[in-house]
């Protein structure tokens, strides 16, 4: 009876022999077949660009524009859900007044939206 280990070694050796014989006799790939090989990867990258990368970069640009136009008196909502009025704006820090005489300093990036007041 043949051991299980000898069975796998013989199979692996047979596969290695057939693989090397086909590689040495193979013709070089033509440029057209190389393009066909990479075409699906290029197509996937284009789909990722239009469905994920481009919309995310547009959203990031809109958020940056919102942060750049912040001014004193704007009513904003933070990422934590806190509603407040901008009391002061520094480089990366915004001071929010969340109640009468209650002011909180927070990172400017945490501002998610500016509430528009209905006229």
Protein backbone atom coordinates (compact mmCIF):
# COMPACT_ATOMS: atom_id res chain seq x y z
CA UNK A 1 0.00 0.00 0.00
CA UNK A 2 1.35 3.42 -0.97
CA UNK A 3 1.67 6.09 1.71
CA UNK A 4 -0.25 9.30 1.36
CA UNK A 5 2.95 11.38 1.27
CA UNK A 6 4.39 9.43 -1.68
CA UNK A 7 1.13 9.88 -3.56
CA UNK A 8 1.30 13.70 -3.34
CA UNK A 9 5.02 13.90 -4.14
CA UNK A 10 4.56 11.85 -7.29
CA UNK A 11 1.67 14.03 -8.43
CA UNK A 12 3.62 17.23 -7.77
CA UNK A 13 6.61 15.89 -9.68
CA UNK A 14 4.43 14.97 -12.65
CA UNK A 15 2.86 18.43 -12.71
CA UNK A 16 6.24 20.14 -12.57
CA UNK A 17 7.49 18.10 -15.53
CA UNK A 18 4.51 18.94 -17.74
CA UNK A 19 4.62 22.60 -16.80
CA UNK A 20 8.28 23.07 -17.69
CA UNK A 21 7.87 21.31 -21.02
CA UNK A 22 5.02 23.59 -22.06
CA UNK A 23 6.83 26.74 -20.91
CA UNK A 24 9.92 26.07 -22.99
CA UNK A 25 7.86 25.49 -26.13
CA UNK A 26 5.55 28.46 -25.62
CA UNK A 27 5.40 31.30 -28.12
CA UNK A 28 5.96 34.87 -26.88
CA UNK A 29 2.74 36.71 -26.13
CA UNK A 30 1.59 39.19 -28.74
CA UNK A 31 0.85 42.81 -27.75
CA UNK A 32 -2.85 42.26 -28.48
CA UNK A 33 -3.09 39.37 -26.03
CA UNK A 34 -1.30 41.46 -23.39
CA UNK A 35 -3.89 44.20 -23.82
CA UNK A 36 -6.69 41.66 -23.52
CA UNK A 37 -5.13 40.44 -20.31
CA UNK A 38 -5.05 43.92 -18.72
CA UNK A 39 -8.34 45.18 -20.15
CA UNK A 40 -10.50 43.82 -17.28
CA UNK A 41 -8.20 45.42 -14.67
CA UNK A 42 -8.33 48.74 -16.50
CA UNK A 43 -12.11 48.50 -16.70
CA UNK A 44 -12.38 47.79 -12.95
CA UNK A 45 -10.17 50.82 -12.18
CA UNK A 46 -12.35 53.08 -14.36
CA UNK A 47 -15.49 51.83 -12.59
CA UNK A 48 -13.90 52.41 -9.16
CA UNK A 49 -12.86 55.90 -10.22
CA UNK A 50 -16.34 56.97 -11.30
CA UNK A 51 -18.26 55.21 -8.51
CA UNK A 52 -15.96 55.75 -5.50
CA UNK A 53 -12.95 57.99 -5.96
CA UNK A 54 -14.46 60.92 -7.89
CA UNK A 55 -17.61 61.37 -5.74
CA UNK A 56 -15.57 61.16 -2.53
CA UNK A 57 -13.10 63.80 -3.72
CA UNK A 58 -15.98 66.10 -4.74
CA UNK A 59 -17.58 65.65 -1.32
CA UNK A 60 -14.27 66.37 0.41
CA UNK A 61 -13.85 69.55 -1.67
CA UNK A 62 -17.39 70.72 -0.76
CA UNK A 63 -16.68 70.11 2.94
CA UNK A 64 -13.43 72.07 2.72
CA UNK A 65 -15.25 74.95 1.01
CA UNK A 66 -17.86 74.89 3.80
CA UNK A 67 -15.13 75.09 6.44
CA UNK A 68 -13.36 77.93 4.64
CA UNK A 69 -16.54 80.04 4.56
CA UNK A 70 -17.36 79.63 8.26
CA UNK A 71 -17.84 82.94 10.04
CA UNK A 72 -18.98 84.23 13.39
CA UNK A 73 -22.74 83.91 13.87
CA UNK A 74 -23.26 80.82 11.66
CA UNK A 75 -25.40 78.11 13.19
CA UNK A 76 -23.73 74.74 12.66
CA UNK A 77 -24.07 71.05 13.43
CA UNK A 78 -21.03 69.01 14.49
CA UNK A 79 -20.17 65.39 13.77
CA UNK A 80 -21.25 64.56 17.33
CA UNK A 81 -24.69 66.07 16.73
CA UNK A 82 -24.13 69.23 18.77
CA UNK A 83 -25.99 72.29 17.49
CA UNK A 84 -24.43 75.65 18.18
CA UNK A 85 -23.55 79.10 16.98
CA UNK A 86 -20.02 79.96 15.88
CA UNK A 87 -18.53 82.40 18.36
CA UNK A 88 -15.00 82.45 16.97
CA UNK A 89 -12.93 80.89 14.19
CA UNK A 90 -9.18 80.28 14.37
CA UNK A 91 -6.95 78.27 12.02
CA UNK A 92 -8.08 74.77 13.02
CA UNK A 93 -10.28 75.55 16.04
CA UNK A 94 -13.87 76.76 16.18
CA UNK A 95 -15.47 78.12 19.34
CA UNK A 96 -19.16 77.20 19.50
CA UNK A 97 -21.72 78.66 21.82
CA UNK A 98 -24.06 75.78 22.60
CA UNK A 99 -26.10 77.56 25.32
CA UNK A 100 -26.10 80.97 26.98
CA UNK A 101 -22.52 81.64 28.12
CA UNK A 102 -21.49 78.01 27.41
CA UNK A 103 -18.70 77.88 24.83
CA UNK A 104 -16.91 74.84 23.52
CA UNK A 105 -13.71 74.76 21.48
CA UNK A 106 -13.54 72.02 18.90
CA UNK A 107 -11.66 70.96 15.82
CA UNK A 108 -12.83 72.74 12.68
CA UNK A 109 -13.01 69.45 10.75
CA UNK A 110 -15.82 68.27 13.06
CA UNK A 111 -18.28 70.79 11.61
CA UNK A 112 -20.51 68.82 9.26
CA UNK A 113 -23.07 71.36 8.11
CA UNK A 114 -24.25 74.94 8.41
CA UNK A 115 -27.93 75.35 9.22
CA UNK A 116 -29.68 77.70 6.85
CA UNK A 117 -32.16 80.05 8.43
CA UNK A 118 -35.50 80.35 6.68
CA UNK A 119 -36.18 83.98 5.83
